[in-house]
Amino acid sequence: MTDGHDDTHDGVEQERNTLLPPRRRWWTRLGPDERRWVTIAFVWCLVLFTGMYVWLAVGDQQAPVESYRVDPADFGAEVDAFIAEHQVGEVDGAVIVAPPPGSDVYLQASQFQWRPVLQLERGETYRLLVSSTDVQHGLSLQPVNLNFQVLPGYLSVIEITPDETGEFPIICNEFCGLGHHVMTGLIVVDES
């Protein structure tokens, strides 16, 4: 207190002000620049929200998918029967199947493989039935960028119509264990 100023009084006054409720109107009105940016952000949110539904209707990006419960052992038996009926060869120890156009096509995910290799015809429609027998996997078909979760106990039915010929790798894009990096499969599309 050498300068004639009472420090204890200031501390008590500050403490008392922090305990008081804020003024009745504690906020200030938005300025013109703030109003402009809030309006732009709000309009942009509405555009994006509306765009989701417009793109769903006209974007032609959504593959029709159905899901059903399935016992993994039953699905494995269906895949074995499918392979036995439609096998046409092997490549690097992997079975190649060539199902008739318009039929159900089975694809099984298990650590760390997709089976079988599918040989399909260009321009024909197939119902791809996919499931896992052990853990969660992710089906990523490149370069067409189809991505689906493949879960044990669930059967996903995806309608596909290949429109290009060539070899299309299937990649597991959901970490499924130490061998995840080698889990690849293949769809071969030939002319009909």
N, C-alpha and C. Protein backbone atom coordinates (compact mmCIF):
# COMPACT_ATOMS: atom_id res chain seq x y z
N MET A 1 0.81 -1.19 0.00
CA MET A 1 0.00 0.00 0.00
C MET A 1 0.86 1.25 0.00
N THR A 2 1.93 1.22 -0.67
CA THR A 2 2.81 2.38 -0.72
C THR A 2 2.34 3.41 -1.73
N ASP A 3 1.61 3.02 -2.77
CA ASP A 3 1.16 3.98 -3.77
C ASP A 3 -0.21 4.56 -3.44
N GLY A 4 -0.76 4.26 -2.32
CA GLY A 4 -2.04 4.80 -1.91
C GLY A 4 -3.22 4.03 -2.51
N HIS A 5 -2.98 2.90 -3.10
CA HIS A 5 -4.02 2.12 -3.76
C HIS A 5 -4.31 0.89 -2.93
N ASP A 6 -5.57 0.60 -2.70
CA ASP A 6 -5.96 -0.53 -1.86
C ASP A 6 -6.16 -1.77 -2.74
N ASP A 7 -5.13 -2.69 -2.78
CA ASP A 7 -5.20 -3.91 -3.61
C ASP A 7 -6.29 -4.86 -3.13
N THR A 8 -6.53 -4.92 -1.84
CA THR A 8 -7.53 -5.86 -1.33
C THR A 8 -8.92 -5.42 -1.75
N HIS A 9 -9.15 -4.14 -1.85
CA HIS A 9 -10.47 -3.64 -2.26
C HIS A 9 -10.72 -4.01 -3.72
N ASP A 10 -9.73 -3.88 -4.64
CA ASP A 10 -9.88 -4.25 -6.05
C ASP A 10 -10.16 -5.73 -6.20
N GLY A 11 -9.49 -6.55 -5.44
CA GLY A 11 -9.71 -8.00 -5.53
C GLY A 11 -11.11 -8.37 -5.11
N VAL A 12 -11.62 -7.72 -4.07
CA VAL A 12 -12.98 -8.00 -3.60
C VAL A 12 -13.98 -7.52 -4.65
N GLU A 13 -13.74 -6.36 -5.24
CA GLU A 13 -14.64 -5.82 -6.27
C GLU A 13 -14.67 -6.72 -7.49
N GLN A 14 -13.53 -7.24 -7.95
CA GLN A 14 -13.49 -8.15 -9.09
C GLN A 14 -14.22 -9.44 -8.77
N GLU A 15 -14.01 -9.96 -7.60
CA GLU A 15 -14.68 -11.20 -7.20
C GLU A 15 -16.19 -11.00 -7.17
N ARG A 16 -16.62 -9.89 -6.68
CA ARG A 16 -18.05 -9.60 -6.60
C ARG A 16 -18.64 -9.50 -8.02
N ASN A 17 -17.93 -8.89 -8.97
CA ASN A 17 -18.41 -8.75 -10.35
C ASN A 17 -18.50 -10.11 -11.05
N THR A 18 -17.65 -11.03 -10.74
CA THR A 18 -17.71 -12.35 -11.39
C THR A 18 -18.86 -13.18 -10.87
N LEU A 19 -19.38 -12.84 -9.71
CA LEU A 19 -20.49 -13.58 -9.15
C LEU A 19 -21.85 -13.01 -9.56
N LEU A 20 -21.85 -11.83 -10.14
CA LEU A 20 -23.10 -11.23 -10.56
C LEU A 20 -23.58 -11.84 -11.87
N PRO A 21 -24.89 -11.92 -12.09
CA PRO A 21 -25.38 -12.43 -13.38
C PRO A 21 -25.04 -11.44 -14.49
N PRO A 22 -24.97 -11.90 -15.72
CA PRO A 22 -24.66 -10.97 -16.81
C PRO A 22 -25.78 -9.95 -16.98
N ARG A 23 -25.46 -8.87 -17.69
CA ARG A 23 -26.49 -7.88 -17.97
C ARG A 23 -27.67 -8.54 -18.64
N ARG A 24 -28.79 -7.91 -18.62
CA ARG A 24 -30.02 -8.49 -19.18
C ARG A 24 -29.81 -8.88 -20.64
N ARG A 25 -29.20 -8.06 -21.42
CA ARG A 25 -28.89 -8.39 -22.81
C ARG A 25 -27.37 -8.45 -22.92
N TRP A 26 -26.81 -9.63 -22.79
CA TRP A 26 -25.36 -9.80 -22.72
C TRP A 26 -24.73 -9.96 -24.08
N TRP A 27 -25.53 -10.14 -25.10
CA TRP A 27 -24.97 -10.29 -26.45
C TRP A 27 -25.23 -9.01 -27.23
N THR A 28 -24.47 -8.84 -28.29
CA THR A 28 -24.66 -7.68 -29.15
C THR A 28 -25.19 -8.15 -30.50
N ARG A 29 -25.86 -7.28 -31.18
CA ARG A 29 -26.42 -7.62 -32.50
C ARG A 29 -25.28 -7.91 -33.48
N LEU A 30 -25.59 -8.78 -34.46
CA LEU A 30 -24.61 -9.08 -35.49
C LEU A 30 -24.41 -7.86 -36.38
N GLY A 31 -23.16 -7.67 -36.75
CA GLY A 31 -22.87 -6.60 -37.69
C GLY A 31 -23.21 -7.07 -39.10
N PRO A 32 -23.13 -6.20 -40.09
CA PRO A 32 -23.50 -6.57 -41.47
C PRO A 32 -22.62 -7.69 -42.04
N ASP A 33 -21.32 -7.66 -41.76
CA ASP A 33 -20.44 -8.71 -42.27
C ASP A 33 -20.77 -10.06 -41.61
N GLU A 34 -21.00 -10.04 -40.31
CA GLU A 34 -21.34 -11.29 -39.61
C GLU A 34 -22.66 -11.85 -40.13
N ARG A 35 -23.65 -10.99 -40.33
CA ARG A 35 -24.95 -11.44 -40.87
C ARG A 35 -24.78 -12.07 -42.24
N ARG A 36 -23.95 -11.47 -43.07
CA ARG A 36 -23.71 -11.98 -44.42
C ARG A 36 -23.10 -13.38 -44.36
N TRP A 37 -22.09 -13.59 -43.50
CA TRP A 37 -21.43 -14.89 -43.43
C TRP A 37 -22.33 -15.97 -42.80
N VAL A 38 -23.12 -15.59 -41.82
CA VAL A 38 -24.07 -16.55 -41.23
C VAL A 38 -25.10 -16.95 -42.28
N THR A 39 -25.57 -16.00 -43.07
CA THR A 39 -26.55 -16.30 -44.13
C THR A 39 -25.92 -17.22 -45.18
N ILE A 40 -24.70 -16.92 -45.60
CA ILE A 40 -24.02 -17.77 -46.59
C ILE A 40 -23.86 -19.18 -46.05
N ALA A 41 -23.45 -19.33 -44.81
CA ALA A 41 -23.26 -20.66 -44.21
C ALA A 41 -24.59 -21.41 -44.13
N PHE A 42 -25.66 -20.72 -43.74
CA PHE A 42 -26.97 -21.35 -43.64
C PHE A 42 -27.47 -21.80 -45.02
N VAL A 43 -27.34 -20.95 -46.02
CA VAL A 43 -27.76 -21.31 -47.39
C VAL A 43 -26.94 -22.48 -47.91
N TRP A 44 -25.63 -22.49 -47.65
CA TRP A 44 -24.78 -23.59 -48.10
C TRP A 44 -25.19 -24.91 -47.43
N CYS A 45 -25.54 -24.88 -46.17
CA CYS A 45 -26.03 -26.08 -45.48
C CYS A 45 -27.30 -26.59 -46.13
N LEU A 46 -28.21 -25.70 -46.48
CA LEU A 46 -29.44 -26.10 -47.16
C LEU A 46 -29.16 -26.70 -48.53
N VAL A 47 -28.20 -26.12 -49.26
CA VAL A 47 -27.83 -26.66 -50.58
C VAL A 47 -27.28 -28.07 -50.43
N LEU A 48 -26.38 -28.30 -49.49
CA LEU A 48 -25.79 -29.63 -49.30
C LEU A 48 -26.84 -30.63 -48.84
N PHE A 49 -27.70 -30.23 -47.93
CA PHE A 49 -28.75 -31.12 -47.44
C PHE A 49 -29.68 -31.53 -48.58
N THR A 50 -30.11 -30.58 -49.38
CA THR A 50 -30.98 -30.87 -50.51
C THR A 50 -30.24 -31.70 -51.56
N GLY A 51 -28.96 -31.40 -51.75
CA GLY A 51 -28.16 -32.12 -52.74
C GLY A 51 -28.06 -33.61 -52.47
N MET A 52 -28.06 -34.01 -51.19
CA MET A 52 -28.00 -35.44 -50.87
C MET A 52 -29.18 -36.18 -51.48
N TYR A 53 -30.36 -35.60 -51.36
CA TYR A 53 -31.57 -36.27 -51.87
C TYR A 53 -31.66 -36.18 -53.39
N VAL A 54 -31.23 -35.07 -53.96
CA VAL A 54 -31.22 -34.94 -55.42
C VAL A 54 -30.25 -35.95 -56.01
N TRP A 55 -29.05 -36.07 -55.43
CA TRP A 55 -28.04 -37.00 -55.95
C TRP A 55 -28.50 -38.45 -55.80
N LEU A 56 -29.22 -38.74 -54.74
CA LEU A 56 -29.76 -40.08 -54.55
C LEU A 56 -30.72 -40.43 -55.69
N ALA A 57 -31.51 -39.46 -56.13
CA ALA A 57 -32.50 -39.70 -57.19
C ALA A 57 -31.89 -39.72 -58.58
N VAL A 58 -30.93 -38.84 -58.88
CA VAL A 58 -30.43 -38.71 -60.24
C VAL A 58 -28.96 -39.09 -60.39
N GLY A 59 -28.28 -39.39 -59.30
CA GLY A 59 -26.84 -39.61 -59.35
C GLY A 59 -26.41 -40.95 -59.90
N ASP A 60 -27.29 -41.93 -59.92
CA ASP A 60 -26.97 -43.26 -60.43
C ASP A 60 -25.73 -43.84 -59.75
N GLN A 61 -25.57 -43.58 -58.46
CA GLN A 61 -24.42 -44.07 -57.72
C GLN A 61 -24.80 -45.12 -56.69
N GLN A 62 -26.07 -45.27 -56.41
CA GLN A 62 -26.49 -46.16 -55.35
C GLN A 62 -26.84 -47.54 -55.91
N ALA A 63 -26.07 -48.54 -55.55
CA ALA A 63 -26.39 -49.89 -55.96
C ALA A 63 -27.53 -50.41 -55.09
N PRO A 64 -28.51 -51.07 -55.70
CA PRO A 64 -29.60 -51.63 -54.88
C PRO A 64 -29.10 -52.79 -54.04
N VAL A 65 -29.27 -52.68 -52.73
CA VAL A 65 -28.76 -53.69 -51.81
C VAL A 65 -29.89 -54.18 -50.90
N GLU A 66 -29.95 -55.47 -50.72
CA GLU A 66 -30.87 -56.08 -49.77
C GLU A 66 -30.01 -56.83 -48.76
N SER A 67 -30.48 -56.95 -47.53
CA SER A 67 -29.74 -57.70 -46.51
C SER A 67 -30.68 -58.67 -45.80
N TYR A 68 -30.14 -59.85 -45.50
CA TYR A 68 -30.90 -60.88 -44.81
C TYR A 68 -30.01 -61.54 -43.77
N ARG A 69 -30.61 -62.13 -42.76
CA ARG A 69 -29.86 -62.93 -41.78
C ARG A 69 -29.54 -64.28 -42.42
N VAL A 70 -28.36 -64.78 -42.14
CA VAL A 70 -27.95 -66.08 -42.68
C VAL A 70 -26.97 -66.72 -41.70
N ASP A 71 -27.04 -68.02 -41.59
CA ASP A 71 -26.09 -68.75 -40.77
C ASP A 71 -24.79 -68.89 -41.57
N PRO A 72 -23.63 -68.52 -41.02
CA PRO A 72 -22.38 -68.61 -41.77
C PRO A 72 -22.08 -70.02 -42.30
N ALA A 73 -22.42 -71.05 -41.55
CA ALA A 73 -22.17 -72.42 -42.02
C ALA A 73 -23.07 -72.74 -43.22
N ASP A 74 -24.32 -72.31 -43.17
CA ASP A 74 -25.23 -72.53 -44.30
C ASP A 74 -24.74 -71.78 -45.54
N PHE A 75 -24.27 -70.55 -45.35
CA PHE A 75 -23.76 -69.79 -46.48
C PHE A 75 -22.53 -70.46 -47.08
N GLY A 76 -21.64 -70.96 -46.22
CA GLY A 76 -20.46 -71.69 -46.72
C GLY A 76 -20.85 -72.90 -47.55
N ALA A 77 -21.89 -73.62 -47.12
CA ALA A 77 -22.37 -74.78 -47.88
C ALA A 77 -22.94 -74.35 -49.23
N GLU A 78 -23.66 -73.21 -49.26
CA GLU A 78 -24.21 -72.69 -50.52
C GLU A 78 -23.08 -72.31 -51.48
N VAL A 79 -22.03 -71.70 -50.96
CA VAL A 79 -20.89 -71.31 -51.79
C VAL A 79 -20.22 -72.57 -52.35
N ASP A 80 -20.03 -73.60 -51.53
CA ASP A 80 -19.43 -74.85 -52.01
C ASP A 80 -20.26 -75.47 -53.12
N ALA A 81 -21.59 -75.48 -52.97
CA ALA A 81 -22.47 -76.03 -54.01
C ALA A 81 -22.40 -75.18 -55.28
N PHE A 82 -22.35 -73.86 -55.13
CA PHE A 82 -22.24 -72.96 -56.28
C PHE A 82 -20.94 -73.22 -57.04
N ILE A 83 -19.84 -73.38 -56.31
CA ILE A 83 -18.55 -73.64 -56.94
C ILE A 83 -18.58 -74.98 -57.67
N ALA A 84 -19.12 -76.01 -57.03
CA ALA A 84 -19.18 -77.35 -57.65
C ALA A 84 -19.99 -77.31 -58.95
N GLU A 85 -21.03 -76.51 -58.99
CA GLU A 85 -21.91 -76.47 -60.17
C GLU A 85 -21.34 -75.64 -61.32
N HIS A 86 -20.58 -74.58 -61.02
CA HIS A 86 -20.18 -73.64 -62.07
C HIS A 86 -18.67 -73.52 -62.27
N GLN A 87 -17.85 -74.38 -61.68
CA GLN A 87 -16.40 -74.27 -61.80
C GLN A 87 -15.94 -74.50 -63.23
N VAL A 88 -15.07 -73.60 -63.72
CA VAL A 88 -14.52 -73.73 -65.08
C VAL A 88 -13.00 -73.80 -65.10
N GLY A 89 -12.36 -73.63 -63.95
CA GLY A 89 -10.90 -73.68 -63.92
C GLY A 89 -10.35 -73.16 -62.62
N GLU A 90 -9.02 -72.95 -62.62
CA GLU A 90 -8.32 -72.42 -61.46
C GLU A 90 -7.24 -71.45 -61.93
N VAL A 91 -6.92 -70.49 -61.07
CA VAL A 91 -5.81 -69.58 -61.31
C VAL A 91 -5.11 -69.36 -59.98
N ASP A 92 -3.83 -69.69 -59.92
CA ASP A 92 -3.03 -69.54 -58.70
C ASP A 92 -3.72 -70.18 -57.49
N GLY A 93 -4.32 -71.33 -57.68
CA GLY A 93 -4.98 -72.05 -56.59
C GLY A 93 -6.37 -71.56 -56.25
N ALA A 94 -6.85 -70.53 -56.93
CA ALA A 94 -8.20 -70.00 -56.69
C ALA A 94 -9.14 -70.55 -57.75
N VAL A 95 -10.31 -70.96 -57.32
CA VAL A 95 -11.31 -71.54 -58.21
C VAL A 95 -11.98 -70.44 -59.03
N ILE A 96 -12.15 -70.68 -60.34
CA ILE A 96 -12.86 -69.76 -61.22
C ILE A 96 -14.22 -70.36 -61.52
N VAL A 97 -15.28 -69.56 -61.37
CA VAL A 97 -16.63 -70.02 -61.71
C VAL A 97 -17.21 -69.09 -62.78
N ALA A 98 -18.04 -69.67 -63.66
CA ALA A 98 -18.71 -68.91 -64.71
C ALA A 98 -20.20 -69.21 -64.65
N PRO A 99 -20.95 -68.49 -63.82
CA PRO A 99 -22.39 -68.73 -63.70
C PRO A 99 -23.13 -68.19 -64.93
N PRO A 100 -24.30 -68.73 -65.22
CA PRO A 100 -25.08 -68.23 -66.36
C PRO A 100 -25.61 -66.81 -66.07
N PRO A 101 -25.81 -66.01 -67.12
CA PRO A 101 -26.34 -64.66 -66.94
C PRO A 101 -27.69 -64.68 -66.23
N GLY A 102 -27.90 -63.71 -65.37
CA GLY A 102 -29.16 -63.58 -64.65
C GLY A 102 -29.25 -64.43 -63.40
N SER A 103 -28.21 -65.16 -63.09
CA SER A 103 -28.28 -66.06 -61.94
C SER A 103 -27.75 -65.41 -60.67
N ASP A 104 -27.94 -66.13 -59.56
CA ASP A 104 -27.35 -65.71 -58.30
C ASP A 104 -25.89 -66.11 -58.29
N VAL A 105 -25.04 -65.18 -57.87
CA VAL A 105 -23.60 -65.39 -57.84
C VAL A 105 -23.14 -65.25 -56.40
N TYR A 106 -22.44 -66.23 -55.88
CA TYR A 106 -22.00 -66.24 -54.48
C TYR A 106 -20.55 -65.79 -54.37
N LEU A 107 -20.28 -64.96 -53.36
CA LEU A 107 -18.93 -64.52 -53.05
C LEU A 107 -18.76 -64.58 -51.54
N GLN A 108 -17.78 -65.35 -51.10
CA GLN A 108 -17.56 -65.58 -49.67
C GLN A 108 -16.30 -64.87 -49.21
N ALA A 109 -16.42 -64.14 -48.12
CA ALA A 109 -15.27 -63.49 -47.50
C ALA A 109 -14.89 -64.29 -46.26
N SER A 110 -13.62 -64.59 -46.15
CA SER A 110 -13.10 -65.22 -44.94
C SER A 110 -11.64 -64.83 -44.81
N GLN A 111 -11.13 -64.87 -43.59
CA GLN A 111 -9.75 -64.46 -43.40
C GLN A 111 -8.84 -65.38 -44.19
N PHE A 112 -8.14 -65.01 -45.07
CA PHE A 112 -7.85 -63.75 -45.72
C PHE A 112 -8.00 -63.95 -47.22
N GLN A 113 -9.22 -64.28 -47.65
CA GLN A 113 -9.47 -64.54 -49.06
C GLN A 113 -10.92 -64.25 -49.45
N TRP A 114 -11.11 -63.98 -50.73
CA TRP A 114 -12.43 -63.92 -51.34
C TRP A 114 -12.51 -65.16 -52.21
N ARG A 115 -13.62 -65.88 -52.14
CA ARG A 115 -13.76 -67.03 -53.01
C ARG A 115 -15.16 -67.14 -53.52
N PRO A 116 -15.33 -67.54 -54.73
CA PRO A 116 -14.39 -67.87 -55.80
C PRO A 116 -14.07 -66.64 -56.67
N VAL A 117 -13.22 -66.86 -57.69
CA VAL A 117 -13.02 -65.86 -58.73
C VAL A 117 -14.23 -65.94 -59.65
N LEU A 118 -14.86 -64.80 -59.90
CA LEU A 118 -16.09 -64.77 -60.70
C LEU A 118 -15.78 -64.37 -62.14
N GLN A 119 -16.31 -65.15 -63.08
CA GLN A 119 -16.18 -64.84 -64.50
C GLN A 119 -17.58 -64.50 -65.01
N LEU A 120 -17.83 -63.23 -65.28
CA LEU A 120 -19.16 -62.75 -65.66
C LEU A 120 -19.15 -62.24 -67.09
N GLU A 121 -20.34 -62.05 -67.66
CA GLU A 121 -20.47 -61.55 -69.03
C GLU A 121 -20.88 -60.09 -69.03
N ARG A 122 -20.27 -59.33 -69.93
CA ARG A 122 -20.55 -57.90 -70.04
C ARG A 122 -22.00 -57.69 -70.47
N GLY A 123 -22.66 -56.71 -69.83
CA GLY A 123 -24.02 -56.35 -70.18
C GLY A 123 -25.10 -57.23 -69.57
N GLU A 124 -24.73 -58.26 -68.85
CA GLU A 124 -25.69 -59.16 -68.21
C GLU A 124 -25.84 -58.78 -66.74
N THR A 125 -27.03 -59.00 -66.20
CA THR A 125 -27.30 -58.66 -64.80
C THR A 125 -27.20 -59.90 -63.92
N TYR A 126 -26.56 -59.74 -62.78
CA TYR A 126 -26.38 -60.82 -61.81
C TYR A 126 -26.81 -60.31 -60.43
N ARG A 127 -27.20 -61.25 -59.58
CA ARG A 127 -27.43 -60.94 -58.17
C ARG A 127 -26.24 -61.48 -57.41
N LEU A 128 -25.42 -60.59 -56.87
CA LEU A 128 -24.23 -60.96 -56.12
C LEU A 128 -24.61 -61.13 -54.66
N LEU A 129 -24.45 -62.36 -54.14
CA LEU A 129 -24.77 -62.68 -52.75
C LEU A 129 -23.45 -62.78 -51.98
N VAL A 130 -23.25 -61.87 -51.03
CA VAL A 130 -21.97 -61.76 -50.32
C VAL A 130 -22.20 -61.91 -48.83
N SER A 131 -21.32 -62.68 -48.17
CA SER A 131 -21.35 -62.78 -46.71
C SER A 131 -19.97 -63.19 -46.23
N SER A 132 -19.78 -63.08 -44.93
CA SER A 132 -18.53 -63.47 -44.29
C SER A 132 -18.78 -64.69 -43.41
N THR A 133 -17.77 -65.52 -43.29
CA THR A 133 -17.91 -66.69 -42.42
C THR A 133 -17.21 -66.51 -41.08
N ASP A 134 -16.48 -65.40 -40.91
CA ASP A 134 -15.73 -65.27 -39.65
C ASP A 134 -15.82 -63.89 -39.01
N VAL A 135 -15.27 -62.86 -39.63
CA VAL A 135 -15.25 -61.53 -39.04
C VAL A 135 -15.76 -60.51 -40.04
N GLN A 136 -15.86 -59.26 -39.63
CA GLN A 136 -16.31 -58.19 -40.52
C GLN A 136 -15.25 -57.92 -41.57
N HIS A 137 -15.70 -57.80 -42.82
CA HIS A 137 -14.83 -57.45 -43.94
C HIS A 137 -15.46 -56.27 -44.68
N GLY A 138 -14.71 -55.69 -45.59
CA GLY A 138 -15.24 -54.65 -46.46
C GLY A 138 -14.99 -55.02 -47.90
N LEU A 139 -16.03 -54.99 -48.71
CA LEU A 139 -15.89 -55.31 -50.13
C LEU A 139 -15.70 -54.01 -50.89
N SER A 140 -14.57 -53.88 -51.55
CA SER A 140 -14.29 -52.71 -52.37
C SER A 140 -13.95 -53.21 -53.77
N LEU A 141 -14.83 -52.90 -54.73
CA LEU A 141 -14.64 -53.32 -56.11
C LEU A 141 -14.09 -52.13 -56.88
N GLN A 142 -12.86 -52.27 -57.37
CA GLN A 142 -12.19 -51.18 -58.07
C GLN A 142 -12.07 -51.51 -59.54
N PRO A 143 -12.08 -50.57 -60.43
CA PRO A 143 -12.10 -49.12 -60.26
C PRO A 143 -13.50 -48.52 -60.26
N VAL A 144 -14.55 -49.36 -60.16
CA VAL A 144 -15.92 -48.82 -60.21
C VAL A 144 -16.36 -48.24 -58.87
N ASN A 145 -15.55 -48.41 -57.84
CA ASN A 145 -15.77 -47.79 -56.53
C ASN A 145 -17.09 -48.23 -55.86
N LEU A 146 -17.35 -49.53 -55.85
CA LEU A 146 -18.44 -50.09 -55.06
C LEU A 146 -17.85 -50.48 -53.72
N ASN A 147 -18.46 -50.04 -52.63
CA ASN A 147 -17.97 -50.33 -51.29
C ASN A 147 -19.12 -50.78 -50.42
N PHE A 148 -18.96 -51.96 -49.77
CA PHE A 148 -19.99 -52.51 -48.91
C PHE A 148 -19.36 -53.18 -47.70
N GLN A 149 -20.07 -53.15 -46.60
CA GLN A 149 -19.66 -53.90 -45.42
C GLN A 149 -20.13 -55.34 -45.56
N VAL A 150 -19.27 -56.28 -45.23
CA VAL A 150 -19.61 -57.69 -45.30
C VAL A 150 -19.50 -58.24 -43.88
N LEU A 151 -20.65 -58.63 -43.33
CA LEU A 151 -20.72 -59.02 -41.93
C LEU A 151 -21.07 -60.50 -41.79
N PRO A 152 -20.47 -61.18 -40.82
CA PRO A 152 -20.88 -62.56 -40.56
C PRO A 152 -22.31 -62.58 -40.03
N GLY A 153 -23.09 -63.54 -40.51
CA GLY A 153 -24.48 -63.64 -40.07
C GLY A 153 -25.44 -62.82 -40.91
N TYR A 154 -24.92 -62.06 -41.87
CA TYR A 154 -25.77 -61.26 -42.75
C TYR A 154 -25.39 -61.52 -44.20
N LEU A 155 -26.40 -61.63 -45.04
CA LEU A 155 -26.23 -61.84 -46.46
C LEU A 155 -26.61 -60.55 -47.17
N SER A 156 -25.70 -59.98 -47.93
CA SER A 156 -25.98 -58.78 -48.72
C SER A 156 -26.20 -59.21 -50.16
N VAL A 157 -27.29 -58.76 -50.75
CA VAL A 157 -27.62 -59.08 -52.14
C VAL A 157 -27.49 -57.79 -52.94
N ILE A 158 -26.55 -57.79 -53.89
CA ILE A 158 -26.22 -56.61 -54.66
C ILE A 158 -26.46 -56.92 -56.13
N GLU A 159 -27.30 -56.15 -56.79
CA GLU A 159 -27.55 -56.37 -58.21
C GLU A 159 -26.49 -55.62 -59.00
N ILE A 160 -25.77 -56.36 -59.86
CA ILE A 160 -24.71 -55.75 -60.65
C ILE A 160 -24.90 -56.08 -62.12
N THR A 161 -24.51 -55.16 -62.97
CA THR A 161 -24.50 -55.35 -64.43
C THR A 161 -23.16 -54.82 -64.93
N PRO A 162 -22.19 -55.70 -65.18
CA PRO A 162 -20.89 -55.22 -65.66
C PRO A 162 -21.04 -54.54 -67.03
N ASP A 163 -20.48 -53.34 -67.17
CA ASP A 163 -20.59 -52.64 -68.45
C ASP A 163 -19.24 -52.47 -69.14
N GLU A 164 -18.19 -53.04 -68.56
CA GLU A 164 -16.86 -53.00 -69.18
C GLU A 164 -16.23 -54.38 -69.06
N THR A 165 -15.41 -54.73 -70.03
CA THR A 165 -14.67 -55.99 -69.93
C THR A 165 -13.35 -55.73 -69.22
N GLY A 166 -12.78 -56.78 -68.68
CA GLY A 166 -11.49 -56.67 -68.00
C GLY A 166 -11.49 -57.40 -66.68
N GLU A 167 -10.41 -57.19 -65.95
CA GLU A 167 -10.26 -57.80 -64.62
C GLU A 167 -10.46 -56.71 -63.57
N PHE A 168 -11.32 -56.99 -62.60
CA PHE A 168 -11.65 -56.02 -61.56
C PHE A 168 -11.29 -56.60 -60.20
N PRO A 169 -10.28 -56.04 -59.55
CA PRO A 169 -9.88 -56.57 -58.24
C PRO A 169 -10.89 -56.25 -57.15
N ILE A 170 -11.04 -57.20 -56.24
CA ILE A 170 -11.85 -57.02 -55.05
C ILE A 170 -10.88 -56.90 -53.89
N ILE A 171 -11.04 -55.87 -53.10
CA ILE A 171 -10.13 -55.61 -51.99
C ILE A 171 -10.94 -55.57 -50.70
N CYS A 172 -10.38 -56.09 -49.64
CA CYS A 172 -11.00 -55.95 -48.33
C CYS A 172 -10.54 -54.61 -47.76
N ASN A 173 -11.49 -53.72 -47.52
CA ASN A 173 -11.13 -52.39 -47.02
C ASN A 173 -11.51 -52.20 -45.55
N GLU A 174 -11.71 -53.30 -44.84
CA GLU A 174 -12.00 -53.26 -43.40
C GLU A 174 -10.97 -54.17 -42.74
N PHE A 175 -10.17 -53.62 -41.81
CA PHE A 175 -9.11 -54.42 -41.19
C PHE A 175 -9.70 -55.67 -40.55
N CYS A 176 -9.19 -56.82 -40.98
CA CYS A 176 -9.77 -58.10 -40.55
C CYS A 176 -8.74 -59.03 -39.91
N GLY A 177 -7.55 -58.54 -39.66
CA GLY A 177 -6.54 -59.37 -39.02
C GLY A 177 -5.17 -59.13 -39.64
N LEU A 178 -4.20 -59.93 -39.21
CA LEU A 178 -2.82 -59.73 -39.65
C LEU A 178 -2.61 -59.98 -41.13
N GLY A 179 -3.43 -60.79 -41.77
CA GLY A 179 -3.30 -61.06 -43.21
C GLY A 179 -4.18 -60.18 -44.07
N HIS A 180 -4.74 -59.12 -43.49
CA HIS A 180 -5.67 -58.24 -44.20
C HIS A 180 -5.08 -57.71 -45.50
N HIS A 181 -3.80 -57.38 -45.49
CA HIS A 181 -3.17 -56.76 -46.66
C HIS A 181 -3.10 -57.68 -47.87
N VAL A 182 -3.27 -58.99 -47.69
CA VAL A 182 -3.22 -59.92 -48.83
C VAL A 182 -4.62 -60.39 -49.25
N MET A 183 -5.67 -59.84 -48.63
CA MET A 183 -7.03 -60.30 -48.93
C MET A 183 -7.56 -59.60 -50.18
N THR A 184 -7.35 -60.25 -51.31
CA THR A 184 -7.84 -59.74 -52.59
C THR A 184 -8.59 -60.84 -53.32
N GLY A 185 -9.48 -60.44 -54.18
CA GLY A 185 -10.22 -61.36 -55.04
C GLY A 185 -10.28 -60.78 -56.43
N LEU A 186 -11.10 -61.39 -57.29
CA LEU A 186 -11.11 -60.96 -58.68
C LEU A 186 -12.45 -61.25 -59.33
N ILE A 187 -12.91 -60.30 -60.13
CA ILE A 187 -14.04 -60.51 -61.02
C ILE A 187 -13.53 -60.27 -62.43
N VAL A 188 -13.73 -61.26 -63.31
CA VAL A 188 -13.31 -61.16 -64.70
C VAL A 188 -14.56 -60.99 -65.54
N VAL A 189 -14.59 -59.94 -66.35
CA VAL A 189 -15.75 -59.68 -67.21
C VAL A 189 -15.32 -59.89 -68.66
N ASP A 190 -16.04 -60.79 -69.35
CA ASP A 190 -15.78 -61.10 -70.76
C ASP A 190 -16.94 -60.64 -71.61
N GLU A 191 -16.72 -60.57 -72.91
CA GLU A 191 -17.81 -60.28 -73.84
C GLU A 191 -18.79 -61.44 -73.84
N SER A 192 -20.08 -61.13 -74.00
CA SER A 192 -21.08 -62.20 -74.00
C SER A 192 -21.16 -62.90 -75.33
